């Protein structure tokens, strides 16, 4: 949660438009729910601003793309959703919200598959080895 708020505050202080600062807030949370994140969700009462923002904010298509990129592209690699979720669980462990996050991650991938009309992975030939 720390990097989310620090990134938001940094961009706001630098004078960036709200839409760019907002991506710092939304990139880690799926389904308009602050508890739908990898590695265990924060306590919604710890940061009422963030919790309310995520709950009330209408995610743009760009924010949904960033959500998916954040899930599929750690550091300098591109992973399938399957491989990335396993990576997250191995590194961060399983939490009460893990199943919820996994389900919503697959829904997000399916959203883009349907939007494209084909498997999103077809855009990334380098991940074909994981299929």
C-alpha atoms as a PDB file:
ATOM      1  CA  UNK A   1       0.000   0.000   0.000  1.00  0.00           C
ATOM      2  CA  UNK A   2       2.894   2.349   0.662  1.00  0.00           C
ATOM      3  CA  UNK A   3       4.060   2.588  -2.934  1.00  0.00           C
ATOM      4  CA  UNK A   4       0.502   3.237  -4.101  1.00  0.00           C
ATOM      5  CA  UNK A   5       0.080   6.325  -1.935  1.00  0.00           C
ATOM      6  CA  UNK A   6       3.671   7.520  -2.410  1.00  0.00           C
ATOM      7  CA  UNK A   7       3.308   7.332  -6.190  1.00  0.00           C
ATOM      8  CA  UNK A   8      -0.009   9.162  -6.098  1.00  0.00           C
ATOM      9  CA  UNK A   9       1.354  11.925  -3.859  1.00  0.00           C
ATOM     10  CA  UNK A  10       4.534  12.216  -5.918  1.00  0.00           C
ATOM     11  CA  UNK A  11       2.657  12.756  -9.185  1.00  0.00           C
ATOM     12  CA  UNK A  12       0.188  15.155  -7.555  1.00  0.00           C
ATOM     13  CA  UNK A  13       3.081  17.198  -6.095  1.00  0.00           C
ATOM     14  CA  UNK A  14       4.748  17.277  -9.520  1.00  0.00           C
ATOM     15  CA  UNK A  15       1.550  18.739 -11.004  1.00  0.00           C
ATOM     16  CA  UNK A  16       0.487  15.763 -13.132  1.00  0.00           C
ATOM     17  CA  UNK A  17      -3.150  15.498 -14.163  1.00  0.00           C
ATOM     18  CA  UNK A  18      -5.439  13.589 -11.840  1.00  0.00           C
ATOM     19  CA  UNK A  19      -5.850  10.732 -14.325  1.00  0.00           C
ATOM     20  CA  UNK A  20      -2.130   9.918 -14.140  1.00  0.00           C
ATOM     21  CA  UNK A  21      -1.944  10.155 -10.355  1.00  0.00           C
ATOM     22  CA  UNK A  22      -5.048   7.973 -10.107  1.00  0.00           C
ATOM     23  CA  UNK A  23      -3.285   5.131 -11.936  1.00  0.00           C
ATOM     24  CA  UNK A  24      -0.918   4.916  -8.982  1.00  0.00           C
ATOM     25  CA  UNK A  25      -3.962   4.246  -6.793  1.00  0.00           C
ATOM     26  CA  UNK A  26      -5.797   1.832  -9.082  1.00  0.00           C
ATOM     27  CA  UNK A  27      -2.973  -0.290 -10.508  1.00  0.00           C
ATOM     28  CA  UNK A  28      -2.892  -2.804  -7.652  1.00  0.00           C
ATOM     29  CA  UNK A  29      -6.610  -3.226  -6.936  1.00  0.00           C
ATOM     30  CA  UNK A  30      -9.055  -5.210  -9.037  1.00  0.00           C
ATOM     31  CA  UNK A  31     -12.819  -5.078  -9.008  1.00  0.00           C
ATOM     32  CA  UNK A  32     -13.083  -1.701  -7.236  1.00  0.00           C
ATOM     33  CA  UNK A  33     -12.088  -3.383  -4.001  1.00  0.00           C
ATOM     34  CA  UNK A  34      -9.042  -2.478  -1.929  1.00  0.00           C
ATOM     35  CA  UNK A  35      -8.958  -6.046  -0.592  1.00  0.00           C
ATOM     36  CA  UNK A  36      -8.657  -7.489  -4.117  1.00  0.00           C
ATOM     37  CA  UNK A  37      -4.904  -7.275  -4.354  1.00  0.00           C
ATOM     38  CA  UNK A  38      -1.959  -9.669  -4.373  1.00  0.00           C
ATOM     39  CA  UNK A  39      -0.162 -10.676  -1.219  1.00  0.00           C
ATOM     40  CA  UNK A  40      -2.903 -10.011   1.274  1.00  0.00           C
ATOM     41  CA  UNK A  41      -5.173  -7.028   1.272  1.00  0.00           C
ATOM     42  CA  UNK A  42      -4.774  -3.994   3.486  1.00  0.00           C
ATOM     43  CA  UNK A  43      -7.241  -3.271   6.240  1.00  0.00           C
ATOM     44  CA  UNK A  44      -9.851  -1.046   4.536  1.00  0.00           C
ATOM     45  CA  UNK A  45     -10.057   1.074   7.695  1.00  0.00           C
ATOM     46  CA  UNK A  46      -6.342   1.957   7.633  1.00  0.00           C
ATOM     47  CA  UNK A  47      -6.668   4.339   4.700  1.00  0.00           C
ATOM     48  CA  UNK A  48     -10.243   5.603   4.234  1.00  0.00           C
ATOM     49  CA  UNK A  49      -9.188   7.873   1.342  1.00  0.00           C
ATOM     50  CA  UNK A  50      -7.770   4.965  -0.678  1.00  0.00           C
ATOM     51  CA  UNK A  51     -10.588   2.579   0.248  1.00  0.00           C
ATOM     52  CA  UNK A  52     -13.290   5.064  -0.767  1.00  0.00           C
ATOM     53  CA  UNK A  53     -11.449   6.119  -3.905  1.00  0.00           C
ATOM     54  CA  UNK A  54     -11.086   2.532  -5.144  1.00  0.00           C
ATOM     55  CA  UNK A  55     -14.695   1.720  -4.275  1.00  0.00           C
ATOM     56  CA  UNK A  56     -16.180   4.783  -6.009  1.00  0.00           C
ATOM     57  CA  UNK A  57     -13.781   5.262  -8.935  1.00  0.00           C
ATOM     58  CA  UNK A  58     -14.876   4.274 -12.437  1.00  0.00           C
ATOM     59  CA  UNK A  59     -11.845   2.467 -13.880  1.00  0.00           C
ATOM     60  CA  UNK A  60     -10.908   3.618 -17.371  1.00  0.00           C
ATOM     61  CA  UNK A  61      -9.811   1.149 -20.042  1.00  0.00           C
ATOM     62  CA  UNK A  62      -6.272   2.455 -19.543  1.00  0.00           C
ATOM     63  CA  UNK A  63      -6.414   1.681 -15.824  1.00  0.00           C
ATOM     64  CA  UNK A  64      -7.631  -1.837 -16.561  1.00  0.00           C
ATOM     65  CA  UNK A  65      -4.746  -2.285 -18.995  1.00  0.00           C
ATOM     66  CA  UNK A  66      -2.324  -1.115 -16.302  1.00  0.00           C
ATOM     67  CA  UNK A  67      -3.918  -3.611 -13.851  1.00  0.00           C
ATOM     68  CA  UNK A  68      -3.251  -6.416 -16.319  1.00  0.00           C
ATOM     69  CA  UNK A  69       0.252  -5.175 -17.159  1.00  0.00           C
ATOM     70  CA  UNK A  70       1.092  -4.995 -13.466  1.00  0.00           C
ATOM     71  CA  UNK A  71       0.027  -8.630 -13.167  1.00  0.00           C
ATOM     72  CA  UNK A  72       1.700  -9.925 -16.322  1.00  0.00           C
ATOM     73  CA  UNK A  73       4.917  -7.924 -16.449  1.00  0.00           C
ATOM     74  CA  UNK A  74       7.095  -8.116 -13.360  1.00  0.00           C
ATOM     75  CA  UNK A  75      10.444  -6.422 -13.924  1.00  0.00           C
ATOM     76  CA  UNK A  76      11.737  -7.295 -17.401  1.00  0.00           C
ATOM     77  CA  UNK A  77       9.589 -10.341 -18.207  1.00  0.00           C
ATOM     78  CA  UNK A  78       6.139 -11.097 -19.557  1.00  0.00           C
ATOM     79  CA  UNK A  79       4.237 -13.883 -17.828  1.00  0.00           C
ATOM     80  CA  UNK A  80       0.980 -15.635 -18.433  1.00  0.00           C
ATOM     81  CA  UNK A  81      -1.567 -14.905 -15.728  1.00  0.00           C
ATOM     82  CA  UNK A  82      -1.114 -18.472 -14.464  1.00  0.00           C
ATOM     83  CA  UNK A  83       2.646 -18.162 -14.096  1.00  0.00           C
ATOM     84  CA  UNK A  84       2.421 -14.706 -12.523  1.00  0.00           C
ATOM     85  CA  UNK A  85      -0.178 -15.763  -9.950  1.00  0.00           C
ATOM     86  CA  UNK A  86       1.971 -18.729  -8.966  1.00  0.00           C
ATOM     87  CA  UNK A  87       4.986 -16.407  -8.728  1.00  0.00           C
ATOM     88  CA  UNK A  88       3.069 -14.045  -6.434  1.00  0.00           C
ATOM     89  CA  UNK A  89       1.804 -16.852  -4.200  1.00  0.00           C
ATOM     90  CA  UNK A  90       5.283 -18.405  -3.909  1.00  0.00           C
ATOM     91  CA  UNK A  91       6.891 -15.061  -3.041  1.00  0.00           C
ATOM     92  CA  UNK A  92       4.163 -13.514  -0.888  1.00  0.00           C
ATOM     93  CA  UNK A  93       2.246 -16.523   0.378  1.00  0.00           C
ATOM     94  CA  UNK A  94      -1.460 -17.298   0.416  1.00  0.00           C
ATOM     95  CA  UNK A  95      -3.870 -15.057   2.302  1.00  0.00           C
ATOM     96  CA  UNK A  96      -7.605 -15.029   2.958  1.00  0.00           C
ATOM     97  CA  UNK A  97      -8.068 -12.831  -0.136  1.00  0.00           C
ATOM     98  CA  UNK A  98      -5.847 -14.911  -2.471  1.00  0.00           C
ATOM     99  CA  UNK A  99      -8.662 -16.950  -4.025  1.00  0.00           C
ATOM    100  CA  UNK A 100     -10.701 -13.775  -4.597  1.00  0.00           C
ATOM    101  CA  UNK A 101      -7.703 -12.065  -6.234  1.00  0.00           C
ATOM    102  CA  UNK A 102      -7.024 -15.085  -8.466  1.00  0.00           C
ATOM    103  CA  UNK A 103     -10.663 -15.232  -9.632  1.00  0.00           C
ATOM    104  CA  UNK A 104     -10.751 -11.502 -10.390  1.00  0.00           C
ATOM    105  CA  UNK A 105      -7.426 -11.721 -12.235  1.00  0.00           C
ATOM    106  CA  UNK A 106      -8.856 -14.370 -14.549  1.00  0.00           C
ATOM    107  CA  UNK A 107     -11.961 -12.229 -15.066  1.00  0.00           C
ATOM    108  CA  UNK A 108      -9.762  -9.299 -16.074  1.00  0.00           C
ATOM    109  CA  UNK A 109      -7.868 -11.430 -18.582  1.00  0.00           C
ATOM    110  CA  UNK A 110     -11.163 -12.748 -19.954  1.00  0.00           C
ATOM    111  CA  UNK A 111     -12.447  -9.167 -20.267  1.00  0.00           C
ATOM    112  CA  UNK A 112      -9.539  -8.328 -22.574  1.00  0.00           C
ATOM    113  CA  UNK A 113      -9.841 -11.621 -24.480  1.00  0.00           C
ATOM    114  CA  UNK A 114     -13.488 -10.751 -25.200  1.00  0.00           C
ATOM    115  CA  UNK A 115     -12.668  -7.145 -26.062  1.00  0.00           C
ATOM    116  CA  UNK A 116      -9.999  -8.269 -28.526  1.00  0.00           C
ATOM    117  CA  UNK A 117     -12.009 -11.181 -29.892  1.00  0.00           C
ATOM    118  CA  UNK A 118      -9.048 -13.522 -29.427  1.00  0.00           C
ATOM    119  CA  UNK A 119      -6.638 -14.698 -26.739  1.00  0.00           C
ATOM    120  CA  UNK A 120      -4.665 -11.797 -25.317  1.00  0.00           C
ATOM    121  CA  UNK A 121      -1.574 -14.014 -25.260  1.00  0.00           C
ATOM    122  CA  UNK A 122      -1.528 -13.937 -29.073  1.00  0.00           C
ATOM    123  CA  UNK A 123      -0.154 -10.388 -28.716  1.00  0.00           C
ATOM    124  CA  UNK A 124       2.877 -11.755 -26.849  1.00  0.00           C
ATOM    125  CA  UNK A 125       4.592 -14.538 -28.815  1.00  0.00           C
ATOM    126  CA  UNK A 126       7.380 -14.691 -26.216  1.00  0.00           C
ATOM    127  CA  UNK A 127       4.991 -16.168 -23.631  1.00  0.00           C
ATOM    128  CA  UNK A 128       3.810 -18.982 -25.900  1.00  0.00           C
ATOM    129  CA  UNK A 129       6.365 -21.237 -24.179  1.00  0.00           C
ATOM    130  CA  UNK A 130       4.263 -21.039 -20.982  1.00  0.00           C
ATOM    131  CA  UNK A 131       1.067 -22.242 -22.664  1.00  0.00           C
END
